[in-house]
Amino acid sequence: YILWFGIAALCVSLALIILPNLPLSVQLVMFAALSLSSLAIWKLHYKKEGADLRIGQSQGDEVGRVGTVTETVSPRQNGKIVFPQGVMGSREWMAIADHEIAVGEDAAIVRVEGNAMRVQKLSDTH
């Protein structure tokens, strides 16, 4: 934001070089008009680029991670899965599956759904 005020001040100083007898009131009006107009133009054309920060949401990096089911999971019952290394800040997650996966079986993350991981039996993913 400060950059645009500096550019406006430079424009006013250039105007003073060309017109050295420019009244102070005109200088102040010029500075205000240039500052506000350059700032408005910048805001209209500025597009925020960079990382899409979706804190607390998976961005697809966790898909494919393998863990071990600790509570049986089926289409009718949510279970639990534990990962050797933390996934999005936790080692243990609620698991959802389309097919039954028994305790002790390995499963891979298919996608993140809210506060749960949709998993699939490891042998089904290959």
N, C-alpha and C. Protein backbone atom coordinates (compact mmCIF):
# COMPACT_ATOMS: atom_id res chain seq x y z
N TYR A 1 0.82 -1.20 0.00
CA TYR A 1 0.00 0.00 0.00
C TYR A 1 0.86 1.26 0.00
N ILE A 2 1.93 1.25 0.72
CA ILE A 2 2.77 2.44 0.85
C ILE A 2 3.42 2.81 -0.48
N LEU A 3 3.68 1.81 -1.31
CA LEU A 3 4.30 2.06 -2.61
C LEU A 3 3.51 3.08 -3.42
N TRP A 4 2.20 2.97 -3.41
CA TRP A 4 1.37 3.86 -4.21
C TRP A 4 1.39 5.29 -3.69
N PHE A 5 1.52 5.47 -2.39
CA PHE A 5 1.65 6.82 -1.83
C PHE A 5 2.99 7.42 -2.23
N GLY A 6 4.03 6.58 -2.26
CA GLY A 6 5.35 7.06 -2.69
C GLY A 6 5.36 7.48 -4.15
N ILE A 7 4.70 6.69 -4.99
CA ILE A 7 4.61 7.04 -6.41
C ILE A 7 3.84 8.35 -6.59
N ALA A 8 2.77 8.53 -5.83
CA ALA A 8 2.00 9.78 -5.90
C ALA A 8 2.86 10.97 -5.47
N ALA A 9 3.67 10.79 -4.44
CA ALA A 9 4.56 11.87 -3.98
C ALA A 9 5.59 12.21 -5.05
N LEU A 10 6.13 11.19 -5.73
CA LEU A 10 7.08 11.45 -6.81
C LEU A 10 6.42 12.22 -7.96
N CYS A 11 5.19 11.87 -8.28
CA CYS A 11 4.47 12.60 -9.34
C CYS A 11 4.25 14.07 -8.97
N VAL A 12 3.92 14.31 -7.70
CA VAL A 12 3.72 15.69 -7.24
C VAL A 12 5.06 16.44 -7.29
N SER A 13 6.15 15.78 -6.92
CA SER A 13 7.46 16.45 -6.96
C SER A 13 7.87 16.76 -8.40
N LEU A 14 7.54 15.86 -9.35
CA LEU A 14 7.80 16.15 -10.77
C LEU A 14 6.97 17.35 -11.24
N ALA A 15 5.73 17.42 -10.76
CA ALA A 15 4.88 18.57 -11.11
C ALA A 15 5.48 19.87 -10.55
N LEU A 16 6.09 19.79 -9.38
CA LEU A 16 6.72 20.99 -8.79
C LEU A 16 7.96 21.41 -9.55
N ILE A 17 8.66 20.44 -10.17
CA ILE A 17 9.83 20.81 -10.99
C ILE A 17 9.37 21.57 -12.23
N ILE A 18 8.25 21.09 -12.81
CA ILE A 18 7.72 21.74 -14.01
C ILE A 18 7.03 23.07 -13.67
N LEU A 19 6.24 23.07 -12.60
CA LEU A 19 5.50 24.26 -12.16
C LEU A 19 5.92 24.62 -10.72
N PRO A 20 7.01 25.35 -10.54
CA PRO A 20 7.51 25.61 -9.19
C PRO A 20 6.60 26.48 -8.32
N ASN A 21 5.68 27.21 -8.89
CA ASN A 21 4.79 28.08 -8.12
C ASN A 21 3.45 27.43 -7.84
N LEU A 22 3.36 26.11 -7.90
CA LEU A 22 2.11 25.38 -7.66
C LEU A 22 1.69 25.56 -6.20
N PRO A 23 0.48 26.06 -5.96
CA PRO A 23 0.03 26.27 -4.57
C PRO A 23 -0.04 24.96 -3.77
N LEU A 24 0.13 25.09 -2.46
CA LEU A 24 0.14 23.94 -1.57
C LEU A 24 -1.18 23.18 -1.63
N SER A 25 -2.29 23.88 -1.72
CA SER A 25 -3.60 23.23 -1.77
C SER A 25 -3.71 22.34 -3.01
N VAL A 26 -3.19 22.81 -4.14
CA VAL A 26 -3.22 22.01 -5.37
C VAL A 26 -2.31 20.79 -5.22
N GLN A 27 -1.17 20.96 -4.57
CA GLN A 27 -0.25 19.84 -4.34
C GLN A 27 -0.92 18.75 -3.49
N LEU A 28 -1.61 19.19 -2.45
CA LEU A 28 -2.27 18.23 -1.56
C LEU A 28 -3.40 17.49 -2.28
N VAL A 29 -4.18 18.24 -3.08
CA VAL A 29 -5.27 17.62 -3.83
C VAL A 29 -4.71 16.64 -4.86
N MET A 30 -3.61 17.03 -5.53
CA MET A 30 -2.97 16.14 -6.50
C MET A 30 -2.47 14.86 -5.81
N PHE A 31 -1.82 15.03 -4.67
CA PHE A 31 -1.30 13.87 -3.94
C PHE A 31 -2.43 12.93 -3.53
N ALA A 32 -3.50 13.49 -3.00
CA ALA A 32 -4.63 12.66 -2.57
C ALA A 32 -5.26 11.94 -3.76
N ALA A 33 -5.48 12.67 -4.85
CA ALA A 33 -6.11 12.07 -6.03
C ALA A 33 -5.24 10.98 -6.64
N LEU A 34 -3.94 11.25 -6.78
CA LEU A 34 -3.03 10.25 -7.34
C LEU A 34 -2.91 9.03 -6.43
N SER A 35 -2.83 9.25 -5.13
CA SER A 35 -2.73 8.13 -4.18
C SER A 35 -3.95 7.23 -4.26
N LEU A 36 -5.12 7.82 -4.16
CA LEU A 36 -6.35 7.03 -4.16
C LEU A 36 -6.60 6.35 -5.50
N SER A 37 -6.34 7.07 -6.60
CA SER A 37 -6.61 6.46 -7.91
C SER A 37 -5.62 5.33 -8.20
N SER A 38 -4.34 5.51 -7.88
CA SER A 38 -3.37 4.44 -8.13
C SER A 38 -3.65 3.24 -7.23
N LEU A 39 -4.06 3.49 -6.02
CA LEU A 39 -4.41 2.40 -5.11
C LEU A 39 -5.65 1.66 -5.61
N ALA A 40 -6.64 2.39 -6.09
CA ALA A 40 -7.87 1.76 -6.61
C ALA A 40 -7.58 0.93 -7.86
N ILE A 41 -6.76 1.46 -8.75
CA ILE A 41 -6.40 0.71 -9.97
C ILE A 41 -5.65 -0.56 -9.60
N TRP A 42 -4.72 -0.46 -8.66
CA TRP A 42 -3.97 -1.64 -8.23
C TRP A 42 -4.90 -2.69 -7.64
N LYS A 43 -5.83 -2.29 -6.79
CA LYS A 43 -6.75 -3.24 -6.16
C LYS A 43 -7.64 -3.92 -7.20
N LEU A 44 -8.01 -3.23 -8.27
CA LEU A 44 -8.84 -3.82 -9.31
C LEU A 44 -8.09 -4.88 -10.11
N HIS A 45 -6.81 -4.68 -10.32
CA HIS A 45 -6.03 -5.58 -11.17
C HIS A 45 -5.19 -6.59 -10.41
N TYR A 46 -5.09 -6.44 -9.11
CA TYR A 46 -4.28 -7.32 -8.30
C TYR A 46 -5.00 -8.65 -8.10
N LYS A 47 -4.33 -9.73 -8.45
CA LYS A 47 -4.89 -11.06 -8.22
C LYS A 47 -3.94 -11.80 -7.30
N LYS A 48 -4.46 -12.24 -6.19
CA LYS A 48 -3.64 -12.94 -5.22
C LYS A 48 -3.23 -14.29 -5.80
N GLU A 49 -1.94 -14.53 -5.85
CA GLU A 49 -1.43 -15.80 -6.34
C GLU A 49 -0.62 -16.45 -5.23
N GLY A 50 -0.37 -17.71 -5.40
CA GLY A 50 0.43 -18.41 -4.42
C GLY A 50 -0.32 -19.60 -3.89
N ALA A 51 0.11 -20.05 -2.75
CA ALA A 51 -0.46 -21.26 -2.16
C ALA A 51 -1.92 -21.04 -1.78
N ASP A 52 -2.71 -22.02 -2.08
CA ASP A 52 -4.11 -22.01 -1.67
C ASP A 52 -4.15 -22.59 -0.27
N LEU A 53 -4.20 -21.74 0.71
CA LEU A 53 -4.13 -22.20 2.08
C LEU A 53 -5.48 -22.74 2.53
N ARG A 54 -5.52 -24.03 2.69
CA ARG A 54 -6.73 -24.68 3.17
C ARG A 54 -6.34 -25.42 4.44
N ILE A 55 -6.12 -24.69 5.47
CA ILE A 55 -5.65 -25.26 6.72
C ILE A 55 -6.67 -26.25 7.25
N GLY A 56 -6.20 -27.42 7.61
CA GLY A 56 -7.08 -28.44 8.15
C GLY A 56 -7.75 -29.28 7.09
N GLN A 57 -7.47 -29.05 5.84
CA GLN A 57 -8.08 -29.81 4.77
C GLN A 57 -6.99 -30.51 3.96
N SER A 58 -7.28 -31.72 3.55
CA SER A 58 -6.32 -32.46 2.74
C SER A 58 -6.26 -31.86 1.35
N GLN A 59 -5.07 -31.81 0.80
CA GLN A 59 -4.91 -31.32 -0.56
C GLN A 59 -4.48 -32.46 -1.47
N GLY A 60 -4.80 -33.71 -1.07
CA GLY A 60 -4.48 -34.86 -1.90
C GLY A 60 -3.16 -35.51 -1.57
N ASP A 61 -2.37 -34.91 -0.69
CA ASP A 61 -1.06 -35.47 -0.35
C ASP A 61 -1.17 -36.76 0.46
N GLU A 62 -2.27 -36.95 1.16
CA GLU A 62 -2.41 -38.09 2.05
C GLU A 62 -2.97 -39.33 1.34
N VAL A 63 -3.54 -39.15 0.16
CA VAL A 63 -4.12 -40.28 -0.57
C VAL A 63 -3.03 -41.30 -0.86
N GLY A 64 -3.33 -42.56 -0.54
CA GLY A 64 -2.37 -43.63 -0.78
C GLY A 64 -1.58 -44.03 0.45
N ARG A 65 -1.62 -43.23 1.51
CA ARG A 65 -0.90 -43.59 2.74
C ARG A 65 -1.53 -44.84 3.34
N VAL A 66 -0.71 -45.73 3.86
CA VAL A 66 -1.17 -47.02 4.36
C VAL A 66 -1.13 -47.05 5.88
N GLY A 67 -2.20 -47.60 6.46
CA GLY A 67 -2.28 -47.77 7.90
C GLY A 67 -2.90 -49.11 8.24
N THR A 68 -3.00 -49.40 9.54
CA THR A 68 -3.56 -50.66 10.02
C THR A 68 -4.88 -50.40 10.71
N VAL A 69 -5.90 -51.18 10.35
CA VAL A 69 -7.23 -51.04 10.94
C VAL A 69 -7.20 -51.58 12.36
N THR A 70 -7.67 -50.78 13.34
CA THR A 70 -7.69 -51.20 14.75
C THR A 70 -9.11 -51.49 15.23
N GLU A 71 -10.12 -51.02 14.52
CA GLU A 71 -11.52 -51.35 14.78
C GLU A 71 -12.15 -51.67 13.44
N THR A 72 -12.84 -52.80 13.35
CA THR A 72 -13.44 -53.22 12.09
C THR A 72 -14.26 -52.10 11.47
N VAL A 73 -14.08 -51.94 10.16
CA VAL A 73 -14.81 -50.91 9.42
C VAL A 73 -15.60 -51.60 8.30
N SER A 74 -16.83 -51.13 8.10
CA SER A 74 -17.69 -51.68 7.05
C SER A 74 -18.60 -50.56 6.55
N PRO A 75 -19.39 -50.81 5.51
CA PRO A 75 -20.31 -49.77 5.04
C PRO A 75 -21.32 -49.34 6.10
N ARG A 76 -21.63 -50.24 7.04
CA ARG A 76 -22.62 -49.93 8.09
C ARG A 76 -21.99 -49.41 9.38
N GLN A 77 -20.67 -49.51 9.50
CA GLN A 77 -20.02 -49.17 10.77
C GLN A 77 -18.68 -48.48 10.52
N ASN A 78 -18.50 -47.35 11.15
CA ASN A 78 -17.20 -46.68 11.08
C ASN A 78 -16.22 -47.41 11.98
N GLY A 79 -14.98 -47.42 11.58
CA GLY A 79 -13.94 -48.06 12.37
C GLY A 79 -12.83 -47.08 12.67
N LYS A 80 -11.67 -47.62 13.03
CA LYS A 80 -10.50 -46.77 13.29
C LYS A 80 -9.30 -47.35 12.56
N ILE A 81 -8.43 -46.44 12.15
CA ILE A 81 -7.20 -46.82 11.47
C ILE A 81 -6.05 -46.04 12.10
N VAL A 82 -4.90 -46.71 12.22
CA VAL A 82 -3.70 -46.10 12.80
C VAL A 82 -2.60 -46.12 11.74
N PHE A 83 -1.88 -45.01 11.66
CA PHE A 83 -0.80 -44.88 10.69
C PHE A 83 0.54 -44.85 11.41
N PRO A 84 1.60 -45.41 10.82
CA PRO A 84 2.91 -45.40 11.47
C PRO A 84 3.44 -43.98 11.71
N GLN A 85 3.16 -43.08 10.77
CA GLN A 85 3.52 -41.67 10.94
C GLN A 85 2.24 -40.86 10.89
N GLY A 86 2.24 -39.74 11.54
CA GLY A 86 1.04 -38.91 11.59
C GLY A 86 0.55 -38.49 10.22
N VAL A 87 -0.75 -38.48 10.06
CA VAL A 87 -1.40 -38.01 8.85
C VAL A 87 -2.20 -36.78 9.24
N MET A 88 -1.84 -35.64 8.67
CA MET A 88 -2.50 -34.37 8.98
C MET A 88 -2.59 -34.13 10.49
N GLY A 89 -1.50 -34.42 11.18
CA GLY A 89 -1.42 -34.09 12.59
C GLY A 89 -1.86 -35.16 13.57
N SER A 90 -2.32 -36.31 13.11
CA SER A 90 -2.76 -37.36 14.03
C SER A 90 -2.39 -38.73 13.47
N ARG A 91 -2.12 -39.67 14.37
CA ARG A 91 -1.81 -41.03 13.92
C ARG A 91 -3.06 -41.89 13.81
N GLU A 92 -4.10 -41.57 14.60
CA GLU A 92 -5.32 -42.39 14.61
C GLU A 92 -6.47 -41.59 14.02
N TRP A 93 -7.24 -42.26 13.13
CA TRP A 93 -8.36 -41.59 12.46
C TRP A 93 -9.57 -42.51 12.42
N MET A 94 -10.75 -41.89 12.34
CA MET A 94 -11.97 -42.65 12.08
C MET A 94 -11.90 -43.08 10.62
N ALA A 95 -12.28 -44.34 10.37
CA ALA A 95 -12.20 -44.89 9.01
C ALA A 95 -13.60 -45.18 8.48
N ILE A 96 -13.78 -44.93 7.18
CA ILE A 96 -15.02 -45.23 6.47
C ILE A 96 -14.61 -46.10 5.28
N ALA A 97 -15.42 -47.12 4.98
CA ALA A 97 -15.09 -47.99 3.85
C ALA A 97 -16.35 -48.47 3.16
N ASP A 98 -16.20 -48.85 1.89
CA ASP A 98 -17.32 -49.40 1.12
C ASP A 98 -17.44 -50.91 1.32
N HIS A 99 -16.35 -51.55 1.77
CA HIS A 99 -16.34 -52.99 2.02
C HIS A 99 -15.74 -53.23 3.40
N GLU A 100 -16.10 -54.33 4.02
CA GLU A 100 -15.62 -54.63 5.37
C GLU A 100 -14.11 -54.86 5.36
N ILE A 101 -13.45 -54.26 6.34
CA ILE A 101 -12.02 -54.46 6.55
C ILE A 101 -11.85 -54.84 8.02
N ALA A 102 -11.25 -56.00 8.26
CA ALA A 102 -11.12 -56.54 9.62
C ALA A 102 -9.95 -55.91 10.36
N VAL A 103 -9.97 -56.09 11.68
CA VAL A 103 -8.90 -55.60 12.54
C VAL A 103 -7.59 -56.26 12.13
N GLY A 104 -6.53 -55.48 12.07
CA GLY A 104 -5.21 -55.99 11.73
C GLY A 104 -4.87 -55.92 10.25
N GLU A 105 -5.86 -55.69 9.40
CA GLU A 105 -5.58 -55.60 7.97
C GLU A 105 -5.08 -54.21 7.61
N ASP A 106 -4.23 -54.15 6.58
CA ASP A 106 -3.72 -52.87 6.11
C ASP A 106 -4.71 -52.26 5.12
N ALA A 107 -4.82 -50.93 5.17
CA ALA A 107 -5.73 -50.21 4.28
C ALA A 107 -5.05 -48.91 3.85
N ALA A 108 -5.43 -48.44 2.67
CA ALA A 108 -4.87 -47.20 2.14
C ALA A 108 -5.95 -46.12 2.08
N ILE A 109 -5.53 -44.89 2.25
CA ILE A 109 -6.47 -43.77 2.17
C ILE A 109 -6.88 -43.56 0.72
N VAL A 110 -8.18 -43.48 0.48
CA VAL A 110 -8.71 -43.18 -0.84
C VAL A 110 -9.00 -41.68 -0.94
N ARG A 111 -9.60 -41.13 0.13
CA ARG A 111 -9.83 -39.69 0.21
C ARG A 111 -10.18 -39.30 1.64
N VAL A 112 -10.11 -38.01 1.91
CA VAL A 112 -10.46 -37.48 3.21
C VAL A 112 -11.88 -36.95 3.13
N GLU A 113 -12.72 -37.38 4.07
CA GLU A 113 -14.12 -36.93 4.11
C GLU A 113 -14.40 -36.34 5.49
N GLY A 114 -14.34 -35.05 5.58
CA GLY A 114 -14.58 -34.37 6.86
C GLY A 114 -13.52 -34.77 7.87
N ASN A 115 -13.97 -35.38 8.98
CA ASN A 115 -13.06 -35.81 10.04
C ASN A 115 -12.72 -37.28 9.95
N ALA A 116 -12.91 -37.89 8.80
CA ALA A 116 -12.65 -39.32 8.65
C ALA A 116 -11.88 -39.58 7.36
N MET A 117 -11.25 -40.75 7.33
CA MET A 117 -10.52 -41.18 6.14
C MET A 117 -11.33 -42.29 5.46
N ARG A 118 -11.62 -42.11 4.19
CA ARG A 118 -12.22 -43.20 3.41
C ARG A 118 -11.07 -44.08 3.00
N VAL A 119 -11.14 -45.36 3.41
CA VAL A 119 -10.04 -46.29 3.16
C VAL A 119 -10.51 -47.46 2.33
N GLN A 120 -9.53 -48.15 1.78
CA GLN A 120 -9.80 -49.33 0.97
C GLN A 120 -8.75 -50.38 1.36
N LYS A 121 -9.19 -51.63 1.43
CA LYS A 121 -8.28 -52.73 1.77
C LYS A 121 -7.08 -52.67 0.84
N LEU A 122 -5.90 -52.84 1.39
CA LEU A 122 -4.67 -52.69 0.61
C LEU A 122 -4.65 -53.62 -0.59
N SER A 123 -5.11 -54.83 -0.45
CA SER A 123 -5.10 -55.76 -1.60
C SER A 123 -6.03 -55.30 -2.71
N ASP A 124 -7.07 -54.48 -2.41
CA ASP A 124 -8.01 -53.97 -3.39
C ASP A 124 -7.48 -52.79 -4.17
N THR A 125 -6.44 -52.13 -3.65
CA THR A 125 -5.94 -50.91 -4.29
C THR A 125 -4.94 -51.22 -5.38
N HIS A 126 -4.39 -52.42 -5.45
CA HIS A 126 -3.38 -52.75 -6.47
C HIS A 126 -3.99 -53.29 -7.71
